[in-house]
Amino acid sequence: MDLWNFLRERKKWWLLPVIIVLLLLGILIIIGGSSAVAPFIYTIF
């Protein structure tokens, strides 16, 4: 994966938590937008 190689070669390990949080938020939005759990997820924000 190109992103993994970029992080490893340039020692940009501080970007890893940012990427993980963005992925988790994206998954949460996708799940919350199309399910019965949506009202409960929106109360978190």
PDB file of N, CA and C in Angstrom:
ATOM      1  N   MET A   1       0.844  -1.177   0.000  1.00  0.00           N
ATOM      2  CA  MET A   1       0.000   0.000   0.000  1.00  0.00           C
ATOM      3  C   MET A   1       0.891   1.244   0.000  1.00  0.00           C
ATOM      4  N   ASP A   2       0.577   2.170  -0.849  1.00  0.00           N
ATOM      5  CA  ASP A   2       1.409   3.361  -1.012  1.00  0.00           C
ATOM      6  C   ASP A   2       1.454   4.218   0.249  1.00  0.00           C
ATOM      7  N   LEU A   3       0.321   4.343   0.907  1.00  0.00           N
ATOM      8  CA  LEU A   3       0.286   5.160   2.118  1.00  0.00           C
ATOM      9  C   LEU A   3       1.188   4.586   3.207  1.00  0.00           C
ATOM     10  N   TRP A   4       1.170   3.280   3.375  1.00  0.00           N
ATOM     11  CA  TRP A   4       2.014   2.629   4.377  1.00  0.00           C
ATOM     12  C   TRP A   4       3.493   2.841   4.056  1.00  0.00           C
ATOM     13  N   ASN A   5       3.854   2.710   2.770  1.00  0.00           N
ATOM     14  CA  ASN A   5       5.251   2.937   2.370  1.00  0.00           C
ATOM     15  C   ASN A   5       5.669   4.381   2.622  1.00  0.00           C
ATOM     16  N   PHE A   6       4.769   5.311   2.353  1.00  0.00           N
ATOM     17  CA  PHE A   6       5.064   6.724   2.595  1.00  0.00           C
ATOM     18  C   PHE A   6       5.328   6.976   4.081  1.00  0.00           C
ATOM     19  N   LEU A   7       4.464   6.424   4.943  1.00  0.00           N
ATOM     20  CA  LEU A   7       4.645   6.631   6.379  1.00  0.00           C
ATOM     21  C   LEU A   7       5.943   6.006   6.864  1.00  0.00           C
ATOM     22  N   ARG A   8       6.263   4.829   6.356  1.00  0.00           N
ATOM     23  CA  ARG A   8       7.453   4.116   6.821  1.00  0.00           C
ATOM     24  C   ARG A   8       8.729   4.798   6.343  1.00  0.00           C
ATOM     25  N   GLU A   9       8.772   5.213   5.088  1.00  0.00           N
ATOM     26  CA  GLU A   9      10.001   5.790   4.539  1.00  0.00           C
ATOM     27  C   GLU A   9      10.284   7.177   5.096  1.00  0.00           C
ATOM     28  N   ARG A  10       9.241   7.958   5.319  1.00  0.00           N
ATOM     29  CA  ARG A  10       9.453   9.332   5.752  1.00  0.00           C
ATOM     30  C   ARG A  10       9.275   9.529   7.253  1.00  0.00           C
ATOM     31  N   LYS A  11       9.072   8.445   7.985  1.00  0.00           N
ATOM     32  CA  LYS A  11       8.936   8.475   9.451  1.00  0.00           C
ATOM     33  C   LYS A  11       7.835   9.431   9.896  1.00  0.00           C
ATOM     34  N   LYS A  12       6.715   9.377   9.215  1.00  0.00           N
ATOM     35  CA  LYS A  12       5.571  10.230   9.556  1.00  0.00           C
ATOM     36  C   LYS A  12       4.562   9.448  10.398  1.00  0.00           C
ATOM     37  N   TRP A  13       5.047   8.865  11.486  1.00  0.00           N
ATOM     38  CA  TRP A  13       4.181   8.006  12.306  1.00  0.00           C
ATOM     39  C   TRP A  13       3.086   8.787  13.011  1.00  0.00           C
ATOM     40  N   TRP A  14       3.251  10.106  13.166  1.00  0.00           N
ATOM     41  CA  TRP A  14       2.223  10.903  13.823  1.00  0.00           C
ATOM     42  C   TRP A  14       0.962  10.998  12.973  1.00  0.00           C
ATOM     43  N   LEU A  15       1.072  10.689  11.671  1.00  0.00           N
ATOM     44  CA  LEU A  15      -0.109  10.724  10.812  1.00  0.00           C
ATOM     45  C   LEU A  15      -1.008   9.510  11.007  1.00  0.00           C
ATOM     46  N   LEU A  16      -0.463   8.432  11.543  1.00  0.00           N
ATOM     47  CA  LEU A  16      -1.231   7.190  11.672  1.00  0.00           C
ATOM     48  C   LEU A  16      -2.489   7.349  12.535  1.00  0.00           C
ATOM     49  N   PRO A  17      -2.428   7.959  13.715  1.00  0.00           N
ATOM     50  CA  PRO A  17      -3.668   8.139  14.491  1.00  0.00           C
ATOM     51  C   PRO A  17      -4.699   9.013  13.780  1.00  0.00           C
ATOM     52  N   VAL A  18      -4.226  10.012  13.048  1.00  0.00           N
ATOM     53  CA  VAL A  18      -5.138  10.884  12.315  1.00  0.00           C
ATOM     54  C   VAL A  18      -5.885  10.084  11.255  1.00  0.00           C
ATOM     55  N   ILE A  19      -5.172   9.246  10.527  1.00  0.00           N
ATOM     56  CA  ILE A  19      -5.785   8.430   9.483  1.00  0.00           C
ATOM     57  C   ILE A  19      -6.775   7.440  10.080  1.00  0.00           C
ATOM     58  N   ILE A  20      -6.416   6.834  11.204  1.00  0.00           N
ATOM     59  CA  ILE A  20      -7.313   5.868  11.843  1.00  0.00           C
ATOM     60  C   ILE A  20      -8.598   6.542  12.310  1.00  0.00           C
ATOM     61  N   VAL A  21      -8.475   7.721  12.914  1.00  0.00           N
ATOM     62  CA  VAL A  21      -9.664   8.439  13.384  1.00  0.00           C
ATOM     63  C   VAL A  21     -10.555   8.824  12.210  1.00  0.00           C
ATOM     64  N   LEU A  22      -9.961   9.289  11.112  1.00  0.00           N
ATOM     65  CA  LEU A  22     -10.763   9.648   9.943  1.00  0.00           C
ATOM     66  C   LEU A  22     -11.478   8.437   9.368  1.00  0.00           C
ATOM     67  N   LEU A  23     -10.807   7.301   9.310  1.00  0.00           N
ATOM     68  CA  LEU A  23     -11.450   6.082   8.821  1.00  0.00           C
ATOM     69  C   LEU A  23     -12.607   5.665   9.727  1.00  0.00           C
ATOM     70  N   LEU A  24     -12.399   5.725  11.034  1.00  0.00           N
ATOM     71  CA  LEU A  24     -13.467   5.352  11.962  1.00  0.00           C
ATOM     72  C   LEU A  24     -14.662   6.290  11.844  1.00  0.00           C
ATOM     73  N   LEU A  25     -14.412   7.586  11.704  1.00  0.00           N
ATOM     74  CA  LEU A  25     -15.509   8.530  11.531  1.00  0.00           C
ATOM     75  C   LEU A  25     -16.262   8.271  10.232  1.00  0.00           C
ATOM     76  N   GLY A  26     -15.535   7.963   9.178  1.00  0.00           N
ATOM     77  CA  GLY A  26     -16.178   7.651   7.908  1.00  0.00           C
ATOM     78  C   GLY A  26     -17.054   6.415   7.997  1.00  0.00           C
ATOM     79  N   ILE A  27     -16.553   5.380   8.660  1.00  0.00           N
ATOM     80  CA  ILE A  27     -17.339   4.158   8.831  1.00  0.00           C
ATOM     81  C   ILE A  27     -18.582   4.439   9.681  1.00  0.00           C
ATOM     82  N   LEU A  28     -18.413   5.239  10.725  1.00  0.00           N
ATOM     83  CA  LEU A  28     -19.537   5.582  11.589  1.00  0.00           C
ATOM     84  C   LEU A  28     -20.610   6.347  10.824  1.00  0.00           C
ATOM     85  N   ILE A  29     -20.194   7.249   9.960  1.00  0.00           N
ATOM     86  CA  ILE A  29     -21.156   8.027   9.166  1.00  0.00           C
ATOM     87  C   ILE A  29     -21.877   7.124   8.168  1.00  0.00           C
ATOM     88  N   ILE A  30     -21.150   6.220   7.538  1.00  0.00           N
ATOM     89  CA  ILE A  30     -21.768   5.316   6.568  1.00  0.00           C
ATOM     90  C   ILE A  30     -22.778   4.400   7.257  1.00  0.00           C
ATOM     91  N   ILE A  31     -22.395   3.842   8.389  1.00  0.00           N
ATOM     92  CA  ILE A  31     -23.306   2.956   9.119  1.00  0.00           C
ATOM     93  C   ILE A  31     -24.498   3.743   9.675  1.00  0.00           C
ATOM     94  N   GLY A  32     -24.214   4.908  10.205  1.00  0.00           N
ATOM     95  CA  GLY A  32     -25.275   5.704  10.822  1.00  0.00           C
ATOM     96  C   GLY A  32     -26.257   6.289   9.831  1.00  0.00           C
ATOM     97  N   GLY A  33     -25.823   6.509   8.615  1.00  0.00           N
ATOM     98  CA  GLY A  33     -26.711   7.109   7.625  1.00  0.00           C
ATOM     99  C   GLY A  33     -27.730   6.151   7.062  1.00  0.00           C
ATOM    100  N   SER A  34     -27.488   4.858   7.193  1.00  0.00           N
ATOM    101  CA  SER A  34     -28.386   3.904   6.533  1.00  0.00           C
ATOM    102  C   SER A  34     -28.843   2.785   7.469  1.00  0.00           C
ATOM    103  N   SER A  35     -29.092   3.113   8.721  1.00  0.00           N
ATOM    104  CA  SER A  35     -29.540   2.058   9.625  1.00  0.00           C
ATOM    105  C   SER A  35     -30.460   2.635  10.688  1.00  0.00           C
ATOM    106  N   ALA A  36     -31.005   1.752  11.489  1.00  0.00           N
ATOM    107  CA  ALA A  36     -31.892   2.174  12.567  1.00  0.00           C
ATOM    108  C   ALA A  36     -31.112   2.738  13.751  1.00  0.00           C
ATOM    109  N   VAL A  37     -29.797   2.630  13.723  1.00  0.00           N
ATOM    110  CA  VAL A  37     -28.963   3.127  14.817  1.00  0.00           C
ATOM    111  C   VAL A  37     -28.689   4.622  14.657  1.00  0.00           C
ATOM    112  N   ALA A  38     -29.052   5.192  13.518  1.00  0.00           N
ATOM    113  CA  ALA A  38     -28.735   6.579  13.192  1.00  0.00           C
ATOM    114  C   ALA A  38     -29.115   7.575  14.293  1.00  0.00           C
ATOM    115  N   PRO A  39     -30.312   7.525  14.862  1.00  0.00           N
ATOM    116  CA  PRO A  39     -30.638   8.522  15.902  1.00  0.00           C
ATOM    117  C   PRO A  39     -29.705   8.456  17.111  1.00  0.00           C
ATOM    118  N   PHE A  40     -29.227   7.284  17.449  1.00  0.00           N
ATOM    119  CA  PHE A  40     -28.342   7.157  18.602  1.00  0.00           C
ATOM    120  C   PHE A  40     -26.939   7.671  18.282  1.00  0.00           C
ATOM    121  N   ILE A  41     -26.497   7.473  17.052  1.00  0.00           N
ATOM    122  CA  ILE A  41     -25.174   7.956  16.659  1.00  0.00           C
ATOM    123  C   ILE A  41     -25.170   9.483  16.588  1.00  0.00           C
ATOM    124  N   TYR A  42     -26.255  10.073  16.095  1.00  0.00           N
ATOM    125  CA  TYR A  42     -26.287  11.519  15.966  1.00  0.00           C
ATOM    126  C   TYR A  42     -26.318  12.213  17.320  1.00  0.00           C
ATOM    127  N   THR A  43     -26.795  11.533  18.350  1.00  0.00           N
ATOM    128  CA  THR A  43     -26.790  12.166  19.669  1.00  0.00           C
ATOM    129  C   THR A  43     -25.378  12.262  20.245  1.00  0.00           C
ATOM    130  N   ILE A  44     -24.449  11.428  19.751  1.00  0.00           N
ATOM    131  CA  ILE A  44     -23.058  11.505  20.212  1.00  0.00           C
ATOM    132  C   ILE A  44     -22.445  12.842  19.797  1.00  0.00           C
ATOM    133  N   PHE A  45     -22.754  13.270  18.585  1.00  0.00           N
ATOM    134  CA  PHE A  45     -22.201  14.512  18.072  1.00  0.00           C
ATOM    135  C   PHE A  45     -23.164  15.626  18.384  1.00  0.00           C
TER     136      PHE A  45
END
